[in-house]
Amino acid sequence: MVVDSQQGSLFAVPEPAADLANLRERCDACRRCGLAAGRQQVVISRGNPHARLMVIGEGPGAQEDATGLPFVGRAGQLLDQMLASVSLDSNQDVYICNVVKCRPPDNRKPTPEEMRACEPWLAIQIEAVDPPVVILAGATALEGVLGIRGGITRLRGQWHPWQGRWVMPVFHPSYLLRNPSRQKGSPRWLTWQDLQEVRRRLEAMTSGAAAPPG
């Protein structure tokens, strides 16, 4: 397995990603949908833009809107813990973002129109980071990226080839907070199995035993 000596990470790559430096400035100026009117600030990303794994969630909540960083509330803390449980560091091994960059009122689900309005910004992130493996956290991310509605329970844990990448839908961490059981077959237990499969895929690709879909 190849370790990036600069990042000290098993799954980070040394080649620089495309420039993301002005993405926040461009999103700050965005008025493509009504969410801009109620935000405190845009929420772009956290983690490593050189990572080989991207996690895409739904949209910012109150803490994310206040800090400008995705997944920093209770759901984000659980996400970090679950990634760490399979030896993935959310600062080094993962790039984390959302389908929409502004907080929907009362943390409601983004509308299809709002997700479409934010598509160009997410597309820039995916192209710049160029991750071979993507986790879609929750039904909204599944809909926003793959266009599949209402299929998270059926499709979680299954690999989907998409734009030359492997995509894995998983339950959103906020759903796991509402279902804290760790018994076999529970949502949290299933998500842990899914994350282990993600790590195995990354290891296989790093060692050359597997390749992105054609």
N, C-alpha and C. Protein backbone atom coordinates (compact mmCIF):
# COMPACT_ATOMS: atom_id res chain seq x y z
N MET A 1 0.84 -1.19 0.00
CA MET A 1 0.00 0.00 0.00
C MET A 1 0.87 1.24 0.00
N VAL A 2 0.42 2.26 -0.68
CA VAL A 2 1.19 3.48 -0.82
C VAL A 2 0.77 4.49 0.24
N VAL A 3 1.73 4.97 1.00
CA VAL A 3 1.45 6.00 1.99
C VAL A 3 1.97 7.34 1.48
N ASP A 4 1.14 8.37 1.56
CA ASP A 4 1.54 9.71 1.16
C ASP A 4 2.39 10.30 2.28
N SER A 5 3.68 10.48 2.03
CA SER A 5 4.57 10.96 3.08
C SER A 5 4.27 12.39 3.48
N GLN A 6 3.73 13.18 2.55
CA GLN A 6 3.39 14.56 2.89
C GLN A 6 2.22 14.61 3.85
N GLN A 7 1.18 13.84 3.56
CA GLN A 7 -0.02 13.89 4.37
C GLN A 7 0.03 12.90 5.53
N GLY A 8 0.90 11.90 5.46
CA GLY A 8 0.92 10.88 6.50
C GLY A 8 -0.32 10.02 6.49
N SER A 9 -0.92 9.83 5.32
CA SER A 9 -2.21 9.16 5.23
C SER A 9 -2.14 8.02 4.23
N LEU A 10 -2.86 6.95 4.55
CA LEU A 10 -2.85 5.78 3.68
C LEU A 10 -3.55 6.06 2.36
N PHE A 11 -4.60 6.88 2.38
CA PHE A 11 -5.44 7.03 1.20
C PHE A 11 -5.35 8.41 0.56
N ALA A 12 -4.55 9.32 1.08
CA ALA A 12 -4.36 10.61 0.44
C ALA A 12 -3.34 10.47 -0.68
N VAL A 13 -3.46 11.29 -1.71
CA VAL A 13 -2.53 11.22 -2.83
C VAL A 13 -1.74 12.52 -2.90
N PRO A 14 -0.48 12.48 -3.32
CA PRO A 14 0.34 13.67 -3.29
C PRO A 14 0.06 14.68 -4.39
N GLU A 15 -0.56 14.24 -5.48
CA GLU A 15 -0.81 15.16 -6.57
C GLU A 15 -1.83 16.21 -6.13
N PRO A 16 -1.58 17.49 -6.45
CA PRO A 16 -2.53 18.53 -6.02
C PRO A 16 -3.84 18.42 -6.77
N ALA A 17 -4.95 18.62 -6.05
CA ALA A 17 -6.26 18.69 -6.68
C ALA A 17 -6.39 20.02 -7.40
N ALA A 18 -7.39 20.12 -8.25
CA ALA A 18 -7.64 21.40 -8.93
C ALA A 18 -7.94 22.47 -7.89
N ASP A 19 -7.73 23.69 -8.27
CA ASP A 19 -7.84 24.81 -7.34
C ASP A 19 -9.27 24.98 -6.86
N LEU A 20 -9.47 24.90 -5.54
CA LEU A 20 -10.78 25.13 -4.93
C LEU A 20 -10.80 26.46 -4.17
N ALA A 21 -9.73 27.23 -4.31
CA ALA A 21 -9.54 28.39 -3.45
C ALA A 21 -10.65 29.41 -3.57
N ASN A 22 -11.19 29.60 -4.79
CA ASN A 22 -12.19 30.65 -4.95
C ASN A 22 -13.61 30.13 -4.89
N LEU A 23 -13.78 28.86 -4.54
CA LEU A 23 -15.14 28.30 -4.52
C LEU A 23 -16.00 28.98 -3.46
N ARG A 24 -15.44 29.22 -2.28
CA ARG A 24 -16.22 29.89 -1.23
C ARG A 24 -16.65 31.28 -1.68
N GLU A 25 -15.75 32.02 -2.31
CA GLU A 25 -16.08 33.35 -2.79
C GLU A 25 -17.21 33.30 -3.81
N ARG A 26 -17.15 32.34 -4.70
CA ARG A 26 -18.19 32.21 -5.72
C ARG A 26 -19.52 31.80 -5.10
N CYS A 27 -19.48 30.92 -4.11
CA CYS A 27 -20.71 30.51 -3.43
C CYS A 27 -21.27 31.65 -2.57
N ASP A 28 -20.39 32.45 -1.99
CA ASP A 28 -20.84 33.62 -1.23
C ASP A 28 -21.69 34.54 -2.10
N ALA A 29 -21.32 34.64 -3.37
CA ALA A 29 -22.03 35.53 -4.28
C ALA A 29 -23.25 34.87 -4.92
N CYS A 30 -23.45 33.59 -4.65
CA CYS A 30 -24.51 32.84 -5.33
C CYS A 30 -25.90 33.24 -4.81
N ARG A 31 -26.80 33.46 -5.75
CA ARG A 31 -28.21 33.72 -5.44
C ARG A 31 -29.09 32.87 -6.37
N ARG A 32 -28.63 31.67 -6.64
CA ARG A 32 -29.33 30.81 -7.59
C ARG A 32 -30.64 30.26 -7.01
N CYS A 33 -30.80 30.29 -5.68
CA CYS A 33 -32.05 29.85 -5.07
C CYS A 33 -32.31 30.70 -3.82
N GLY A 34 -33.47 30.49 -3.21
CA GLY A 34 -33.87 31.30 -2.07
C GLY A 34 -33.14 30.99 -0.78
N LEU A 35 -32.38 29.91 -0.71
CA LEU A 35 -31.68 29.57 0.53
C LEU A 35 -30.66 30.63 0.92
N ALA A 36 -30.13 31.35 -0.05
CA ALA A 36 -29.11 32.36 0.24
C ALA A 36 -29.64 33.44 1.16
N ALA A 37 -30.93 33.71 1.09
CA ALA A 37 -31.50 34.81 1.87
C ALA A 37 -31.50 34.53 3.37
N GLY A 38 -31.52 33.27 3.76
CA GLY A 38 -31.62 32.96 5.18
C GLY A 38 -30.35 32.41 5.81
N ARG A 39 -29.28 32.31 5.07
CA ARG A 39 -28.07 31.70 5.59
C ARG A 39 -27.26 32.71 6.41
N GLN A 40 -26.43 32.19 7.33
CA GLN A 40 -25.39 33.01 7.94
C GLN A 40 -24.15 33.02 7.05
N GLN A 41 -23.80 31.85 6.54
CA GLN A 41 -22.67 31.74 5.63
C GLN A 41 -22.79 30.46 4.83
N VAL A 42 -22.10 30.40 3.73
CA VAL A 42 -22.09 29.17 2.94
C VAL A 42 -21.22 28.13 3.64
N VAL A 43 -21.56 26.88 3.39
CA VAL A 43 -20.85 25.75 4.01
C VAL A 43 -20.27 24.92 2.87
N ILE A 44 -18.96 24.96 2.73
CA ILE A 44 -18.32 24.37 1.55
C ILE A 44 -17.81 22.96 1.83
N SER A 45 -16.85 22.82 2.73
CA SER A 45 -16.22 21.51 2.92
C SER A 45 -15.36 21.51 4.17
N ARG A 46 -14.94 20.33 4.54
CA ARG A 46 -13.84 20.13 5.48
C ARG A 46 -13.14 18.83 5.10
N GLY A 47 -11.96 18.66 5.62
CA GLY A 47 -11.19 17.46 5.29
C GLY A 47 -10.09 17.76 4.28
N ASN A 48 -9.68 16.74 3.58
CA ASN A 48 -8.51 16.79 2.71
C ASN A 48 -8.92 16.82 1.23
N PRO A 49 -8.65 17.91 0.50
CA PRO A 49 -9.01 17.96 -0.91
C PRO A 49 -8.18 17.04 -1.79
N HIS A 50 -7.20 16.36 -1.21
CA HIS A 50 -6.41 15.36 -1.93
C HIS A 50 -6.90 13.93 -1.64
N ALA A 51 -7.95 13.81 -0.83
CA ALA A 51 -8.39 12.49 -0.39
C ALA A 51 -8.96 11.67 -1.53
N ARG A 52 -8.90 10.36 -1.38
CA ARG A 52 -9.47 9.45 -2.37
C ARG A 52 -10.90 9.06 -2.01
N LEU A 53 -11.40 9.55 -0.89
CA LEU A 53 -12.76 9.27 -0.45
C LEU A 53 -13.49 10.58 -0.20
N MET A 54 -14.68 10.72 -0.78
CA MET A 54 -15.53 11.88 -0.55
C MET A 54 -16.81 11.44 0.13
N VAL A 55 -17.25 12.19 1.13
CA VAL A 55 -18.54 11.97 1.76
C VAL A 55 -19.44 13.15 1.39
N ILE A 56 -20.59 12.86 0.82
CA ILE A 56 -21.55 13.89 0.44
C ILE A 56 -22.81 13.71 1.28
N GLY A 57 -23.17 14.75 2.02
CA GLY A 57 -24.38 14.73 2.83
C GLY A 57 -25.48 15.58 2.22
N GLU A 58 -26.43 15.95 3.07
CA GLU A 58 -27.63 16.66 2.60
C GLU A 58 -27.41 18.16 2.52
N GLY A 59 -27.25 18.81 3.66
CA GLY A 59 -27.09 20.25 3.71
C GLY A 59 -26.75 20.69 5.12
N PRO A 60 -26.38 21.95 5.30
CA PRO A 60 -25.97 22.44 6.61
C PRO A 60 -27.14 22.50 7.60
N GLY A 61 -26.81 22.25 8.88
CA GLY A 61 -27.72 22.52 9.97
C GLY A 61 -27.31 23.81 10.66
N ALA A 62 -27.84 24.02 11.86
CA ALA A 62 -27.59 25.27 12.57
C ALA A 62 -26.11 25.46 12.90
N GLN A 63 -25.46 24.40 13.40
CA GLN A 63 -24.05 24.53 13.77
C GLN A 63 -23.16 24.70 12.54
N GLU A 64 -23.54 24.03 11.47
CA GLU A 64 -22.78 24.16 10.24
C GLU A 64 -22.93 25.57 9.66
N ASP A 65 -24.15 26.11 9.73
CA ASP A 65 -24.41 27.46 9.25
C ASP A 65 -23.62 28.49 10.06
N ALA A 66 -23.45 28.21 11.35
CA ALA A 66 -22.72 29.14 12.21
C ALA A 66 -21.21 29.07 12.00
N THR A 67 -20.69 27.86 11.74
CA THR A 67 -19.24 27.68 11.64
C THR A 67 -18.72 27.74 10.20
N GLY A 68 -19.60 27.48 9.23
CA GLY A 68 -19.16 27.42 7.84
C GLY A 68 -18.52 26.10 7.47
N LEU A 69 -18.68 25.08 8.31
CA LEU A 69 -18.10 23.76 8.06
C LEU A 69 -19.19 22.69 8.10
N PRO A 70 -19.13 21.69 7.20
CA PRO A 70 -20.14 20.64 7.19
C PRO A 70 -19.90 19.59 8.26
N PHE A 71 -20.99 18.97 8.72
CA PHE A 71 -20.92 17.83 9.63
C PHE A 71 -20.07 18.15 10.88
N VAL A 72 -20.44 19.20 11.60
CA VAL A 72 -19.74 19.53 12.84
C VAL A 72 -20.64 19.40 14.07
N GLY A 73 -21.93 19.14 13.87
CA GLY A 73 -22.83 18.92 14.99
C GLY A 73 -22.76 17.49 15.48
N ARG A 74 -23.80 17.05 16.16
CA ARG A 74 -23.81 15.68 16.70
C ARG A 74 -23.70 14.63 15.61
N ALA A 75 -24.39 14.86 14.49
CA ALA A 75 -24.30 13.90 13.38
C ALA A 75 -22.89 13.85 12.82
N GLY A 76 -22.25 15.00 12.73
CA GLY A 76 -20.87 15.03 12.24
C GLY A 76 -19.90 14.35 13.18
N GLN A 77 -20.12 14.53 14.47
CA GLN A 77 -19.26 13.86 15.45
C GLN A 77 -19.41 12.35 15.35
N LEU A 78 -20.65 11.89 15.13
CA LEU A 78 -20.86 10.45 14.96
C LEU A 78 -20.21 9.97 13.67
N LEU A 79 -20.32 10.75 12.61
CA LEU A 79 -19.66 10.38 11.35
C LEU A 79 -18.17 10.22 11.56
N ASP A 80 -17.55 11.17 12.24
CA ASP A 80 -16.11 11.08 12.50
C ASP A 80 -15.77 9.82 13.29
N GLN A 81 -16.58 9.52 14.31
CA GLN A 81 -16.34 8.34 15.14
C GLN A 81 -16.46 7.06 14.32
N MET A 82 -17.46 7.00 13.46
CA MET A 82 -17.66 5.78 12.68
C MET A 82 -16.57 5.62 11.63
N LEU A 83 -16.13 6.72 11.03
CA LEU A 83 -15.00 6.62 10.12
C LEU A 83 -13.75 6.16 10.86
N ALA A 84 -13.53 6.72 12.04
CA ALA A 84 -12.36 6.32 12.83
C ALA A 84 -12.42 4.85 13.21
N SER A 85 -13.63 4.31 13.38
CA SER A 85 -13.77 2.90 13.77
C SER A 85 -13.29 1.96 12.69
N VAL A 86 -13.18 2.45 11.45
CA VAL A 86 -12.62 1.64 10.36
C VAL A 86 -11.29 2.24 9.90
N SER A 87 -10.65 2.99 10.79
CA SER A 87 -9.31 3.56 10.57
C SER A 87 -9.27 4.55 9.41
N LEU A 88 -10.30 5.37 9.31
CA LEU A 88 -10.33 6.47 8.35
C LEU A 88 -10.39 7.78 9.13
N ASP A 89 -9.42 8.63 8.90
CA ASP A 89 -9.33 9.91 9.59
C ASP A 89 -10.07 10.96 8.77
N SER A 90 -11.07 11.62 9.38
CA SER A 90 -11.89 12.56 8.63
C SER A 90 -11.12 13.81 8.21
N ASN A 91 -9.98 14.06 8.83
CA ASN A 91 -9.16 15.21 8.43
C ASN A 91 -8.19 14.87 7.30
N GLN A 92 -7.72 13.63 7.26
CA GLN A 92 -6.69 13.24 6.31
C GLN A 92 -7.21 12.37 5.16
N ASP A 93 -8.11 11.46 5.46
CA ASP A 93 -8.51 10.45 4.49
C ASP A 93 -9.79 10.78 3.74
N VAL A 94 -10.47 11.86 4.11
CA VAL A 94 -11.81 12.13 3.60
C VAL A 94 -11.97 13.61 3.26
N TYR A 95 -12.73 13.88 2.20
CA TYR A 95 -13.20 15.23 1.88
C TYR A 95 -14.71 15.21 2.07
N ILE A 96 -15.23 16.11 2.90
CA ILE A 96 -16.63 16.09 3.31
C ILE A 96 -17.34 17.34 2.80
N CYS A 97 -18.50 17.15 2.16
CA CYS A 97 -19.28 18.29 1.67
C CYS A 97 -20.76 17.89 1.65
N ASN A 98 -21.59 18.79 1.12
CA ASN A 98 -23.03 18.55 1.07
C ASN A 98 -23.58 18.84 -0.32
N VAL A 99 -24.76 18.33 -0.56
CA VAL A 99 -25.45 18.59 -1.84
C VAL A 99 -25.77 20.07 -1.97
N VAL A 100 -26.28 20.71 -0.90
CA VAL A 100 -26.53 22.15 -0.93
C VAL A 100 -25.61 22.83 0.07
N LYS A 101 -25.24 24.06 -0.24
CA LYS A 101 -24.22 24.78 0.53
C LYS A 101 -24.81 25.78 1.52
N CYS A 102 -26.13 25.96 1.51
CA CYS A 102 -26.79 26.89 2.43
C CYS A 102 -27.83 26.12 3.24
N ARG A 103 -28.04 26.56 4.47
CA ARG A 103 -28.97 25.86 5.37
C ARG A 103 -30.42 26.08 4.96
N PRO A 104 -31.17 24.99 4.73
CA PRO A 104 -32.61 25.14 4.52
C PRO A 104 -33.29 25.55 5.83
N PRO A 105 -34.34 26.37 5.78
CA PRO A 105 -35.03 26.80 7.00
C PRO A 105 -35.50 25.62 7.84
N ASP A 106 -35.28 25.73 9.16
CA ASP A 106 -35.71 24.69 10.10
C ASP A 106 -35.13 23.31 9.77
N ASN A 107 -34.00 23.31 9.09
CA ASN A 107 -33.32 22.05 8.73
C ASN A 107 -34.19 21.12 7.88
N ARG A 108 -35.11 21.70 7.13
CA ARG A 108 -35.92 20.86 6.26
C ARG A 108 -35.07 20.29 5.13
N LYS A 109 -35.64 19.30 4.44
CA LYS A 109 -34.97 18.71 3.28
C LYS A 109 -34.91 19.74 2.15
N PRO A 110 -33.78 19.84 1.45
CA PRO A 110 -33.73 20.73 0.28
C PRO A 110 -34.71 20.28 -0.80
N THR A 111 -35.29 21.24 -1.47
CA THR A 111 -36.20 20.90 -2.57
C THR A 111 -35.39 20.47 -3.80
N PRO A 112 -36.02 19.78 -4.74
CA PRO A 112 -35.31 19.44 -5.98
C PRO A 112 -34.76 20.66 -6.69
N GLU A 113 -35.49 21.78 -6.67
CA GLU A 113 -35.02 23.00 -7.32
C GLU A 113 -33.76 23.53 -6.63
N GLU A 114 -33.74 23.47 -5.29
CA GLU A 114 -32.57 23.94 -4.55
C GLU A 114 -31.36 23.04 -4.82
N MET A 115 -31.59 21.74 -4.91
CA MET A 115 -30.48 20.84 -5.21
C MET A 115 -29.95 21.08 -6.62
N ARG A 116 -30.84 21.32 -7.56
CA ARG A 116 -30.39 21.60 -8.93
C ARG A 116 -29.61 22.92 -8.98
N ALA A 117 -30.05 23.90 -8.20
CA ALA A 117 -29.36 25.19 -8.19
C ALA A 117 -27.93 25.05 -7.68
N CYS A 118 -27.70 24.10 -6.78
CA CYS A 118 -26.38 23.91 -6.19
C CYS A 118 -25.52 22.91 -6.96
N GLU A 119 -26.08 22.27 -7.96
CA GLU A 119 -25.34 21.25 -8.70
C GLU A 119 -23.99 21.74 -9.24
N PRO A 120 -23.90 22.96 -9.78
CA PRO A 120 -22.59 23.39 -10.32
C PRO A 120 -21.50 23.42 -9.27
N TRP A 121 -21.82 23.79 -8.04
CA TRP A 121 -20.80 23.87 -6.99
C TRP A 121 -20.35 22.48 -6.57
N LEU A 122 -21.30 21.56 -6.44
CA LEU A 122 -20.92 20.19 -6.11
C LEU A 122 -20.11 19.57 -7.24
N ALA A 123 -20.47 19.87 -8.48
CA ALA A 123 -19.73 19.33 -9.63
C ALA A 123 -18.29 19.81 -9.62
N ILE A 124 -18.08 21.07 -9.25
CA ILE A 124 -16.71 21.59 -9.15
C ILE A 124 -15.93 20.81 -8.10
N GLN A 125 -16.54 20.55 -6.96
CA GLN A 125 -15.85 19.82 -5.90
C GLN A 125 -15.50 18.41 -6.34
N ILE A 126 -16.43 17.73 -6.97
CA ILE A 126 -16.17 16.35 -7.40
C ILE A 126 -15.06 16.32 -8.45
N GLU A 127 -15.11 17.25 -9.39
CA GLU A 127 -14.07 17.29 -10.43
C GLU A 127 -12.71 17.63 -9.85
N ALA A 128 -12.68 18.57 -8.89
CA ALA A 128 -11.40 19.01 -8.34
C ALA A 128 -10.77 17.95 -7.45
N VAL A 129 -11.56 17.36 -6.58
CA VAL A 129 -11.03 16.34 -5.68
C VAL A 129 -10.80 15.03 -6.43
N ASP A 130 -11.69 14.72 -7.37
CA ASP A 130 -11.59 13.53 -8.22
C ASP A 130 -11.46 12.25 -7.40
N PRO A 131 -12.39 12.00 -6.47
CA PRO A 131 -12.28 10.81 -5.63
C PRO A 131 -12.72 9.56 -6.38
N PRO A 132 -11.99 8.46 -6.26
CA PRO A 132 -12.47 7.23 -6.88
C PRO A 132 -13.60 6.57 -6.11
N VAL A 133 -13.77 6.96 -4.82
CA VAL A 133 -14.81 6.37 -3.98
C VAL A 133 -15.61 7.50 -3.33
N VAL A 134 -16.94 7.38 -3.37
CA VAL A 134 -17.83 8.39 -2.81
C VAL A 134 -18.85 7.71 -1.91
N ILE A 135 -19.05 8.26 -0.72
CA ILE A 135 -20.12 7.85 0.18
C ILE A 135 -21.24 8.88 0.07
N LEU A 136 -22.46 8.41 -0.15
CA LEU A 136 -23.64 9.27 -0.13
C LEU A 136 -24.36 9.05 1.18
N ALA A 137 -24.34 10.06 2.05
CA ALA A 137 -24.91 9.92 3.39
C ALA A 137 -26.36 10.37 3.38
N GLY A 138 -27.26 9.41 3.29
CA GLY A 138 -28.68 9.71 3.39
C GLY A 138 -29.40 9.78 2.06
N ALA A 139 -30.74 9.80 2.17
CA ALA A 139 -31.59 9.75 0.98
C ALA A 139 -31.48 10.99 0.12
N THR A 140 -31.26 12.16 0.74
CA THR A 140 -31.16 13.39 -0.05
C THR A 140 -29.91 13.38 -0.91
N ALA A 141 -28.80 12.93 -0.36
CA ALA A 141 -27.58 12.83 -1.16
C ALA A 141 -27.75 11.80 -2.28
N LEU A 142 -28.44 10.72 -1.99
CA LEU A 142 -28.71 9.71 -3.02
C LEU A 142 -29.53 10.32 -4.16
N GLU A 143 -30.53 11.11 -3.80
CA GLU A 143 -31.36 11.76 -4.82
C GLU A 143 -30.57 12.85 -5.56
N GLY A 144 -29.82 13.65 -4.80
CA GLY A 144 -29.12 14.77 -5.41
C GLY A 144 -28.00 14.37 -6.35
N VAL A 145 -27.36 13.23 -6.08
CA VAL A 145 -26.23 12.80 -6.91
C VAL A 145 -26.65 11.78 -7.96
N LEU A 146 -27.35 10.75 -7.55
CA LEU A 146 -27.72 9.68 -8.49
C LEU A 146 -29.12 9.84 -9.05
N GLY A 147 -29.91 10.79 -8.51
CA GLY A 147 -31.26 10.99 -9.01
C GLY A 147 -32.24 9.93 -8.58
N ILE A 148 -31.91 9.16 -7.54
CA ILE A 148 -32.77 8.08 -7.05
C ILE A 148 -33.51 8.57 -5.82
N ARG A 149 -34.83 8.50 -5.83
CA ARG A 149 -35.63 8.99 -4.72
C ARG A 149 -36.14 7.84 -3.86
N GLY A 150 -36.02 8.01 -2.54
CA GLY A 150 -36.64 7.09 -1.60
C GLY A 150 -36.06 5.70 -1.55
N GLY A 151 -34.78 5.54 -1.93
CA GLY A 151 -34.24 4.19 -2.01
C GLY A 151 -33.13 3.88 -1.05
N ILE A 152 -32.93 4.69 0.00
CA ILE A 152 -31.75 4.51 0.84
C ILE A 152 -31.76 3.18 1.58
N THR A 153 -32.92 2.75 2.10
CA THR A 153 -32.96 1.48 2.84
C THR A 153 -32.67 0.31 1.93
N ARG A 154 -33.16 0.39 0.71
CA ARG A 154 -32.96 -0.71 -0.26
C ARG A 154 -31.55 -0.69 -0.86
N LEU A 155 -30.99 0.49 -1.05
CA LEU A 155 -29.75 0.61 -1.81
C LEU A 155 -28.51 0.79 -0.94
N ARG A 156 -28.68 1.07 0.34
CA ARG A 156 -27.50 1.27 1.18
C ARG A 156 -26.65 -0.01 1.18
N GLY A 157 -25.34 0.22 1.23
CA GLY A 157 -24.43 -0.92 1.27
C GLY A 157 -24.14 -1.53 -0.09
N GLN A 158 -24.71 -0.96 -1.17
CA GLN A 158 -24.47 -1.50 -2.51
C GLN A 158 -23.62 -0.51 -3.32
N TRP A 159 -22.67 -1.05 -4.05
CA TRP A 159 -21.83 -0.22 -4.90
C TRP A 159 -22.56 0.16 -6.18
N HIS A 160 -22.39 1.42 -6.58
CA HIS A 160 -22.98 1.91 -7.82
C HIS A 160 -21.87 2.57 -8.64
N PRO A 161 -21.61 2.11 -9.85
CA PRO A 161 -20.65 2.81 -10.70
C PRO A 161 -21.26 4.12 -11.19
N TRP A 162 -20.50 5.20 -11.10
CA TRP A 162 -21.02 6.52 -11.49
C TRP A 162 -19.85 7.41 -11.90
N GLN A 163 -19.85 7.84 -13.14
CA GLN A 163 -18.83 8.75 -13.66
C GLN A 163 -17.41 8.25 -13.37
N GLY A 164 -17.19 6.96 -13.55
CA GLY A 164 -15.87 6.39 -13.32
C GLY A 164 -15.49 6.25 -11.87
N ARG A 165 -16.47 6.30 -10.98
CA ARG A 165 -16.22 6.18 -9.54
C ARG A 165 -17.10 5.09 -8.96
N TRP A 166 -16.74 4.65 -7.76
CA TRP A 166 -17.58 3.74 -7.00
C TRP A 166 -18.31 4.54 -5.94
N VAL A 167 -19.64 4.43 -5.92
CA VAL A 167 -20.48 5.20 -5.01
C VAL A 167 -21.22 4.25 -4.08
N MET A 168 -21.18 4.55 -2.77
CA MET A 168 -21.83 3.73 -1.76
C MET A 168 -22.83 4.58 -0.96
N PRO A 169 -24.14 4.34 -1.10
CA PRO A 169 -25.11 5.00 -0.23
C PRO A 169 -25.10 4.37 1.17
N VAL A 170 -25.20 5.22 2.19
CA VAL A 170 -25.29 4.75 3.57
C VAL A 170 -26.35 5.58 4.28
N PHE A 171 -26.78 5.10 5.45
CA PHE A 171 -27.71 5.89 6.25
C PHE A 171 -27.04 7.18 6.72
N HIS A 172 -27.83 8.24 6.82
CA HIS A 172 -27.30 9.51 7.31
C HIS A 172 -27.03 9.39 8.81
N PRO A 173 -25.94 9.98 9.31
CA PRO A 173 -25.65 9.90 10.75
C PRO A 173 -26.78 10.42 11.63
N SER A 174 -27.55 11.40 11.18
CA SER A 174 -28.66 11.89 12.00
C SER A 174 -29.72 10.80 12.20
N TYR A 175 -29.90 9.94 11.20
CA TYR A 175 -30.81 8.80 11.34
C TYR A 175 -30.26 7.81 12.36
N LEU A 176 -28.96 7.64 12.36
CA LEU A 176 -28.35 6.72 13.33
C LEU A 176 -28.45 7.25 14.74
N LEU A 177 -28.43 8.57 14.91
CA LEU A 177 -28.62 9.15 16.25
C LEU A 177 -30.00 8.83 16.79
N ARG A 178 -30.97 8.75 15.91
CA ARG A 178 -32.34 8.43 16.33
C ARG A 178 -32.53 6.92 16.51
N ASN A 179 -31.56 6.15 16.06
CA ASN A 179 -31.63 4.68 16.17
C ASN A 179 -30.29 4.19 16.72
N PRO A 180 -30.07 4.37 18.04
CA PRO A 180 -28.73 4.17 18.60
C PRO A 180 -28.32 2.71 18.83
N SER A 181 -29.24 1.76 18.65
CA SER A 181 -28.89 0.36 18.90
C SER A 181 -27.72 -0.07 18.03
N ARG A 182 -26.84 -0.87 18.62
CA ARG A 182 -25.71 -1.42 17.87
C ARG A 182 -25.85 -2.93 17.66
N GLN A 183 -27.03 -3.44 17.92
CA GLN A 183 -27.25 -4.86 17.73
C GLN A 183 -27.12 -5.24 16.25
N LYS A 184 -26.78 -6.48 16.02
CA LYS A 184 -26.65 -6.97 14.65
C LYS A 184 -27.94 -6.74 13.88
N GLY A 185 -27.82 -6.16 12.70
CA GLY A 185 -28.99 -5.87 11.87
C GLY A 185 -29.56 -4.49 12.07
N SER A 186 -29.12 -3.77 13.10
CA SER A 186 -29.60 -2.41 13.33
C SER A 186 -29.00 -1.46 12.30
N PRO A 187 -29.61 -0.27 12.09
CA PRO A 187 -29.03 0.69 11.13
C PRO A 187 -27.58 1.04 11.43
N ARG A 188 -27.24 1.19 12.71
CA ARG A 188 -25.87 1.55 13.03
C ARG A 188 -24.92 0.39 12.72
N TRP A 189 -25.33 -0.82 13.03
CA TRP A 189 -24.51 -1.99 12.73
C TRP A 189 -24.33 -2.13 11.22
N LEU A 190 -25.42 -1.93 10.46
CA LEU A 190 -25.33 -2.03 9.00
C LEU A 190 -24.39 -0.97 8.43
N THR A 191 -24.45 0.24 8.98
CA THR A 191 -23.57 1.31 8.49
C THR A 191 -22.12 0.98 8.77
N TRP A 192 -21.86 0.37 9.91
CA TRP A 192 -20.48 -0.03 10.22
C TRP A 192 -20.00 -1.06 9.20
N GLN A 193 -20.87 -1.99 8.82
CA GLN A 193 -20.51 -2.96 7.78
C GLN A 193 -20.22 -2.23 6.47
N ASP A 194 -21.04 -1.24 6.13
CA ASP A 194 -20.85 -0.50 4.89
C ASP A 194 -19.52 0.23 4.88
N LEU A 195 -19.16 0.84 6.00
CA LEU A 195 -17.90 1.58 6.08
C LEU A 195 -16.70 0.64 6.01
N GLN A 196 -16.83 -0.56 6.57
CA GLN A 196 -15.75 -1.54 6.42
C GLN A 196 -15.57 -1.92 4.95
N GLU A 197 -16.68 -2.03 4.23
CA GLU A 197 -16.60 -2.34 2.80
C GLU A 197 -15.94 -1.20 2.04
N VAL A 198 -16.24 0.04 2.43
CA VAL A 198 -15.59 1.20 1.81
C VAL A 198 -14.09 1.14 2.03
N ARG A 199 -13.67 0.84 3.23
CA ARG A 199 -12.24 0.76 3.51
C ARG A 199 -11.57 -0.35 2.70
N ARG A 200 -12.26 -1.49 2.60
CA ARG A 200 -11.70 -2.59 1.80
C ARG A 200 -11.54 -2.17 0.34
N ARG A 201 -12.51 -1.43 -0.18
CA ARG A 201 -12.42 -0.97 -1.56
C ARG A 201 -11.23 -0.03 -1.74
N LEU A 202 -11.06 0.90 -0.81
CA LEU A 202 -9.93 1.83 -0.87
C LEU A 202 -8.60 1.09 -0.80
N GLU A 203 -8.51 0.10 0.08
CA GLU A 203 -7.28 -0.68 0.20
C GLU A 203 -6.98 -1.41 -1.10
N ALA A 204 -8.03 -2.02 -1.69
CA ALA A 204 -7.83 -2.76 -2.94
C ALA A 204 -7.38 -1.84 -4.06
N MET A 205 -7.97 -0.65 -4.13
CA MET A 205 -7.58 0.29 -5.18
C MET A 205 -6.19 0.84 -4.96
N THR A 206 -5.81 1.06 -3.70
CA THR A 206 -4.48 1.56 -3.40
C THR A 206 -3.42 0.53 -3.75
N SER A 207 -3.72 -0.75 -3.53
CA SER A 207 -2.76 -1.79 -3.82
C SER A 207 -2.78 -2.24 -5.28
N GLY A 208 -3.74 -1.70 -6.06
CA GLY A 208 -3.83 -2.05 -7.47
C GLY A 208 -4.67 -3.28 -7.73
N ALA A 209 -5.32 -3.80 -6.67
CA ALA A 209 -6.13 -5.02 -6.84
C ALA A 209 -7.51 -4.71 -7.40
N ALA A 210 -7.89 -3.44 -7.42
CA ALA A 210 -9.19 -3.06 -7.97
C ALA A 210 -9.03 -1.71 -8.66
N ALA A 211 -9.91 -1.43 -9.60
CA ALA A 211 -9.85 -0.19 -10.37
C ALA A 211 -11.22 0.46 -10.38
N PRO A 212 -11.29 1.77 -10.63
CA PRO A 212 -12.58 2.43 -10.79
C PRO A 212 -13.35 1.81 -11.96
N PRO A 213 -14.66 1.91 -11.95
CA PRO A 213 -15.44 1.36 -13.06
C PRO A 213 -15.16 2.10 -14.34
N GLY A 214 -15.23 1.42 -15.45
CA GLY A 214 -14.97 2.03 -16.74
C GLY A 214 -16.14 2.85 -17.24
